[in-house]
């Protein structure tokens, strides 16, 4: 959905208000996340669009045994656009024989706010699109993880990232 320039400014303000509201909402869970899971940072690269991204996440759970809710916010830069991805992902954990490592798989819906550069300093068009992510990762008990995401619908096609979840 491309928004006409006259409505683009209003939409940008609405997107900023929604994003800040979501951050505040997730902030309410920070103490719970810290007590049960964790809070972390992430960064990586994506394909289609070709970008560098960075962001943060919460680990909330377990929802049921070995299934955790891991909402995250990722901001992608490059390829003449900015992508703000709000991901509501779930991860199911499989411990390995070496107990310090775990593998996880999962997925979840995404809201992608995409701002296109029409002219470097003048016009920007903004789209809000839905997507879905499938993910798999490898995590160490001390917090380091690496993750691969495959996107569907209007999510980036592929993301590879690393991150760190701060210990409780």
C-alpha atoms as a PDB file:
ATOM      1  CA  UNK A   1       0.000   0.000   0.000  1.00  0.00           C
ATOM      2  CA  UNK A   2       1.609   3.265  -1.110  1.00  0.00           C
ATOM      3  CA  UNK A   3       0.430   6.320   0.772  1.00  0.00           C
ATOM      4  CA  UNK A   4       0.047   9.703  -1.008  1.00  0.00           C
ATOM      5  CA  UNK A   5       2.472  12.364   0.225  1.00  0.00           C
ATOM      6  CA  UNK A   6      -0.318  14.392   1.878  1.00  0.00           C
ATOM      7  CA  UNK A   7      -1.187  11.469   4.129  1.00  0.00           C
ATOM      8  CA  UNK A   8       2.378  10.213   4.553  1.00  0.00           C
ATOM      9  CA  UNK A   9       3.214  12.646   7.353  1.00  0.00           C
ATOM     10  CA  UNK A  10       0.121  11.649   9.358  1.00  0.00           C
ATOM     11  CA  UNK A  11       0.868   7.988   8.804  1.00  0.00           C
ATOM     12  CA  UNK A  12       4.458   8.453   9.984  1.00  0.00           C
ATOM     13  CA  UNK A  13       3.232  10.023  13.213  1.00  0.00           C
ATOM     14  CA  UNK A  14       0.713   7.212  13.686  1.00  0.00           C
ATOM     15  CA  UNK A  15       3.434   4.603  13.091  1.00  0.00           C
ATOM     16  CA  UNK A  16       5.717   6.320  15.599  1.00  0.00           C
ATOM     17  CA  UNK A  17       2.920   6.382  18.202  1.00  0.00           C
ATOM     18  CA  UNK A  18       2.130   2.688  17.604  1.00  0.00           C
ATOM     19  CA  UNK A  19       5.816   1.714  17.752  1.00  0.00           C
ATOM     20  CA  UNK A  20       6.359   3.655  20.989  1.00  0.00           C
ATOM     21  CA  UNK A  21       3.184   2.139  22.448  1.00  0.00           C
ATOM     22  CA  UNK A  22       4.436  -1.362  21.619  1.00  0.00           C
ATOM     23  CA  UNK A  23       7.823  -0.625  23.141  1.00  0.00           C
ATOM     24  CA  UNK A  24       6.112   0.646  26.303  1.00  0.00           C
ATOM     25  CA  UNK A  25       3.846  -2.437  26.332  1.00  0.00           C
ATOM     26  CA  UNK A  26       6.858  -4.758  26.011  1.00  0.00           C
ATOM     27  CA  UNK A  27       8.574  -2.704  28.690  1.00  0.00           C
ATOM     28  CA  UNK A  28       5.860  -3.721  31.144  1.00  0.00           C
ATOM     29  CA  UNK A  29       7.021  -7.311  30.698  1.00  0.00           C
ATOM     30  CA  UNK A  30      10.700  -6.541  31.251  1.00  0.00           C
ATOM     31  CA  UNK A  31      10.722  -7.609  34.907  1.00  0.00           C
ATOM     32  CA  UNK A  32       8.867 -10.834  34.049  1.00  0.00           C
ATOM     33  CA  UNK A  33      11.203 -11.472  31.117  1.00  0.00           C
ATOM     34  CA  UNK A  34      14.201 -10.900  33.351  1.00  0.00           C
ATOM     35  CA  UNK A  35      12.809 -13.240  36.017  1.00  0.00           C
ATOM     36  CA  UNK A  36      11.910 -16.077  33.643  1.00  0.00           C
ATOM     37  CA  UNK A  37      13.722 -15.561  30.369  1.00  0.00           C
ATOM     38  CA  UNK A  38      15.716 -12.584  29.379  1.00  0.00           C
ATOM     39  CA  UNK A  39      16.168  -9.408  27.425  1.00  0.00           C
ATOM     40  CA  UNK A  40      18.584  -9.278  24.524  1.00  0.00           C
ATOM     41  CA  UNK A  41      20.066  -7.597  21.492  1.00  0.00           C
ATOM     42  CA  UNK A  42      20.448  -8.851  17.919  1.00  0.00           C
ATOM     43  CA  UNK A  43      21.989  -7.814  14.607  1.00  0.00           C
ATOM     44  CA  UNK A  44      22.478  -9.327  11.187  1.00  0.00           C
ATOM     45  CA  UNK A  45      21.889  -9.119   7.462  1.00  0.00           C
ATOM     46  CA  UNK A  46      18.813  -9.724   5.322  1.00  0.00           C
ATOM     47  CA  UNK A  47      18.173 -10.647   1.698  1.00  0.00           C
ATOM     48  CA  UNK A  48      15.390  -9.021  -0.346  1.00  0.00           C
ATOM     49  CA  UNK A  49      15.713  -6.314   0.810  1.00  0.00           C
ATOM     50  CA  UNK A  50      19.498  -6.438   1.156  1.00  0.00           C
ATOM     51  CA  UNK A  51      20.020  -4.746   4.499  1.00  0.00           C
ATOM     52  CA  UNK A  52      21.874  -4.642   7.787  1.00  0.00           C
ATOM     53  CA  UNK A  53      19.496  -4.921  10.756  1.00  0.00           C
ATOM     54  CA  UNK A  54      19.698  -4.499  14.521  1.00  0.00           C
ATOM     55  CA  UNK A  55      17.185  -4.720  17.321  1.00  0.00           C
ATOM     56  CA  UNK A  56      16.154  -6.250  20.600  1.00  0.00           C
ATOM     57  CA  UNK A  57      14.012  -9.042  21.971  1.00  0.00           C
ATOM     58  CA  UNK A  58      12.308 -10.404  25.064  1.00  0.00           C
ATOM     59  CA  UNK A  59      12.072 -14.034  26.082  1.00  0.00           C
ATOM     60  CA  UNK A  60       8.714 -14.564  27.769  1.00  0.00           C
ATOM     61  CA  UNK A  61       7.803 -18.005  28.849  1.00  0.00           C
ATOM     62  CA  UNK A  62       7.564 -20.822  28.894  1.00  0.00           C
ATOM     63  CA  UNK A  63       4.047 -20.578  27.446  1.00  0.00           C
ATOM     64  CA  UNK A  64       3.927 -24.383  27.657  1.00  0.00           C
ATOM     65  CA  UNK A  65       6.844 -26.737  28.253  1.00  0.00           C
ATOM     66  CA  UNK A  66       9.795 -25.736  26.014  1.00  0.00           C
ATOM     67  CA  UNK A  67       7.689 -23.204  24.015  1.00  0.00           C
ATOM     68  CA  UNK A  68       8.628 -19.566  24.588  1.00  0.00           C
ATOM     69  CA  UNK A  69       7.172 -16.330  23.266  1.00  0.00           C
ATOM     70  CA  UNK A  70      10.049 -14.219  21.856  1.00  0.00           C
ATOM     71  CA  UNK A  71       8.731 -10.873  20.579  1.00  0.00           C
ATOM     72  CA  UNK A  72      11.360  -8.758  18.892  1.00  0.00           C
ATOM     73  CA  UNK A  73      11.864  -5.470  17.123  1.00  0.00           C
ATOM     74  CA  UNK A  74      14.307  -5.270  14.202  1.00  0.00           C
ATOM     75  CA  UNK A  75      15.279  -2.163  12.246  1.00  0.00           C
ATOM     76  CA  UNK A  76      16.747  -2.771   8.786  1.00  0.00           C
ATOM     77  CA  UNK A  77      18.765  -0.145   6.898  1.00  0.00           C
ATOM     78  CA  UNK A  78      19.909  -0.147   3.273  1.00  0.00           C
ATOM     79  CA  UNK A  79      18.700  -0.761  -0.264  1.00  0.00           C
ATOM     80  CA  UNK A  80      17.000   2.692  -0.365  1.00  0.00           C
ATOM     81  CA  UNK A  81      14.565   1.791   2.419  1.00  0.00           C
ATOM     82  CA  UNK A  82      14.147   1.434   6.152  1.00  0.00           C
ATOM     83  CA  UNK A  83      12.249  -1.570   7.514  1.00  0.00           C
ATOM     84  CA  UNK A  84      10.914  -1.681  11.065  1.00  0.00           C
ATOM     85  CA  UNK A  85       9.800  -5.246  11.806  1.00  0.00           C
ATOM     86  CA  UNK A  86       7.640  -6.022  14.835  1.00  0.00           C
ATOM     87  CA  UNK A  87       7.805  -9.819  15.179  1.00  0.00           C
ATOM     88  CA  UNK A  88       5.651 -11.925  17.502  1.00  0.00           C
ATOM     89  CA  UNK A  89       7.603 -15.168  17.303  1.00  0.00           C
ATOM     90  CA  UNK A  90       7.408 -18.410  19.251  1.00  0.00           C
ATOM     91  CA  UNK A  91      10.390 -20.734  19.735  1.00  0.00           C
ATOM     92  CA  UNK A  92      10.351 -24.398  20.699  1.00  0.00           C
ATOM     93  CA  UNK A  93      13.596 -25.502  22.389  1.00  0.00           C
ATOM     94  CA  UNK A  94      15.423 -28.804  21.902  1.00  0.00           C
ATOM     95  CA  UNK A  95      18.307 -29.369  24.338  1.00  0.00           C
ATOM     96  CA  UNK A  96      21.365 -31.089  22.873  1.00  0.00           C
ATOM     97  CA  UNK A  97      23.488 -33.760  24.548  1.00  0.00           C
ATOM     98  CA  UNK A  98      25.955 -31.057  25.487  1.00  0.00           C
ATOM     99  CA  UNK A  99      23.569 -29.276  27.826  1.00  0.00           C
ATOM    100  CA  UNK A 100      25.120 -25.849  27.406  1.00  0.00           C
ATOM    101  CA  UNK A 101      23.778 -25.702  23.808  1.00  0.00           C
ATOM    102  CA  UNK A 102      20.164 -25.782  22.592  1.00  0.00           C
ATOM    103  CA  UNK A 103      18.543 -25.727  19.168  1.00  0.00           C
ATOM    104  CA  UNK A 104      15.241 -23.970  18.614  1.00  0.00           C
ATOM    105  CA  UNK A 105      12.714 -23.754  15.802  1.00  0.00           C
ATOM    106  CA  UNK A 106       9.628 -21.621  15.503  1.00  0.00           C
ATOM    107  CA  UNK A 107       7.836 -18.849  13.768  1.00  0.00           C
ATOM    108  CA  UNK A 108       5.292 -16.126  14.074  1.00  0.00           C
ATOM    109  CA  UNK A 109       3.571 -13.140  12.508  1.00  0.00           C
ATOM    110  CA  UNK A 110       5.253  -9.870  11.637  1.00  0.00           C
ATOM    111  CA  UNK A 111       4.205  -6.291  11.003  1.00  0.00           C
ATOM    112  CA  UNK A 112       6.684  -4.610   8.643  1.00  0.00           C
ATOM    113  CA  UNK A 113       6.733  -0.825   8.371  1.00  0.00           C
ATOM    114  CA  UNK A 114       8.673   0.006   5.214  1.00  0.00           C
ATOM    115  CA  UNK A 115       9.791   3.515   4.369  1.00  0.00           C
ATOM    116  CA  UNK A 116      11.063   3.978   0.794  1.00  0.00           C
ATOM    117  CA  UNK A 117      13.459   6.732  -0.253  1.00  0.00           C
ATOM    118  CA  UNK A 118      11.986   8.380  -3.359  1.00  0.00           C
ATOM    119  CA  UNK A 119      14.403  11.271  -3.250  1.00  0.00           C
ATOM    120  CA  UNK A 120      17.162  11.203  -0.679  1.00  0.00           C
ATOM    121  CA  UNK A 121      16.006  14.314   1.184  1.00  0.00           C
ATOM    122  CA  UNK A 122      12.483  14.974  -0.045  1.00  0.00           C
ATOM    123  CA  UNK A 123       9.736  12.415  -0.509  1.00  0.00           C
ATOM    124  CA  UNK A 124       9.360   9.150   1.357  1.00  0.00           C
ATOM    125  CA  UNK A 125       6.590   6.639   0.874  1.00  0.00           C
ATOM    126  CA  UNK A 126       5.611   4.368   3.734  1.00  0.00           C
ATOM    127  CA  UNK A 127       3.940   0.954   3.538  1.00  0.00           C
ATOM    128  CA  UNK A 128       2.672  -1.200   6.384  1.00  0.00           C
ATOM    129  CA  UNK A 129       2.653  -4.864   5.419  1.00  0.00           C
ATOM    130  CA  UNK A 130       2.011  -8.157   7.161  1.00  0.00           C
ATOM    131  CA  UNK A 131       4.371 -11.093   7.069  1.00  0.00           C
ATOM    132  CA  UNK A 132       5.325 -14.340   8.713  1.00  0.00           C
ATOM    133  CA  UNK A 133       8.728 -15.662   9.800  1.00  0.00           C
ATOM    134  CA  UNK A 134       9.965 -19.237  10.139  1.00  0.00           C
ATOM    135  CA  UNK A 135      13.092 -19.496  12.258  1.00  0.00           C
ATOM    136  CA  UNK A 136      15.729 -21.828  13.571  1.00  0.00           C
ATOM    137  CA  UNK A 137      18.615 -21.097  15.837  1.00  0.00           C
ATOM    138  CA  UNK A 138      21.399 -22.314  18.057  1.00  0.00           C
ATOM    139  CA  UNK A 139      21.774 -20.866  21.547  1.00  0.00           C
ATOM    140  CA  UNK A 140      24.371 -21.170  24.306  1.00  0.00           C
ATOM    141  CA  UNK A 141      23.282 -21.142  27.942  1.00  0.00           C
ATOM    142  CA  UNK A 142      25.470 -18.081  28.558  1.00  0.00           C
ATOM    143  CA  UNK A 143      23.345 -16.009  26.163  1.00  0.00           C
ATOM    144  CA  UNK A 144      24.990 -16.057  22.739  1.00  0.00           C
ATOM    145  CA  UNK A 145      22.801 -17.222  19.830  1.00  0.00           C
ATOM    146  CA  UNK A 146      22.742 -17.349  16.061  1.00  0.00           C
ATOM    147  CA  UNK A 147      19.509 -17.422  14.086  1.00  0.00           C
ATOM    148  CA  UNK A 148      18.241 -17.992  10.548  1.00  0.00           C
ATOM    149  CA  UNK A 149      14.827 -16.663   9.486  1.00  0.00           C
ATOM    150  CA  UNK A 150      12.911 -17.382   6.298  1.00  0.00           C
ATOM    151  CA  UNK A 151      10.209 -14.823   5.559  1.00  0.00           C
ATOM    152  CA  UNK A 152       6.822 -15.307   3.917  1.00  0.00           C
ATOM    153  CA  UNK A 153       4.281 -12.820   2.602  1.00  0.00           C
ATOM    154  CA  UNK A 154       5.881  -9.363   2.948  1.00  0.00           C
ATOM    155  CA  UNK A 155       8.718 -10.206   5.350  1.00  0.00           C
ATOM    156  CA  UNK A 156      12.341 -10.153   4.124  1.00  0.00           C
ATOM    157  CA  UNK A 157      13.116 -13.402   2.263  1.00  0.00           C
ATOM    158  CA  UNK A 158      16.031 -14.421   4.461  1.00  0.00           C
ATOM    159  CA  UNK A 159      17.732 -13.115   7.605  1.00  0.00           C
ATOM    160  CA  UNK A 160      20.890 -14.307   9.300  1.00  0.00           C
ATOM    161  CA  UNK A 161      21.707 -12.843  12.669  1.00  0.00           C
ATOM    162  CA  UNK A 162      23.589 -13.185  15.898  1.00  0.00           C
ATOM    163  CA  UNK A 163      22.673 -11.909  19.300  1.00  0.00           C
ATOM    164  CA  UNK A 164      22.990 -12.046  23.019  1.00  0.00           C
ATOM    165  CA  UNK A 165      20.376 -12.609  25.711  1.00  0.00           C
ATOM    166  CA  UNK A 166      21.448 -11.110  29.028  1.00  0.00           C
ATOM    167  CA  UNK A 167      21.449 -13.713  31.795  1.00  0.00           C
ATOM    168  CA  UNK A 168      18.991 -13.543  34.651  1.00  0.00           C
END
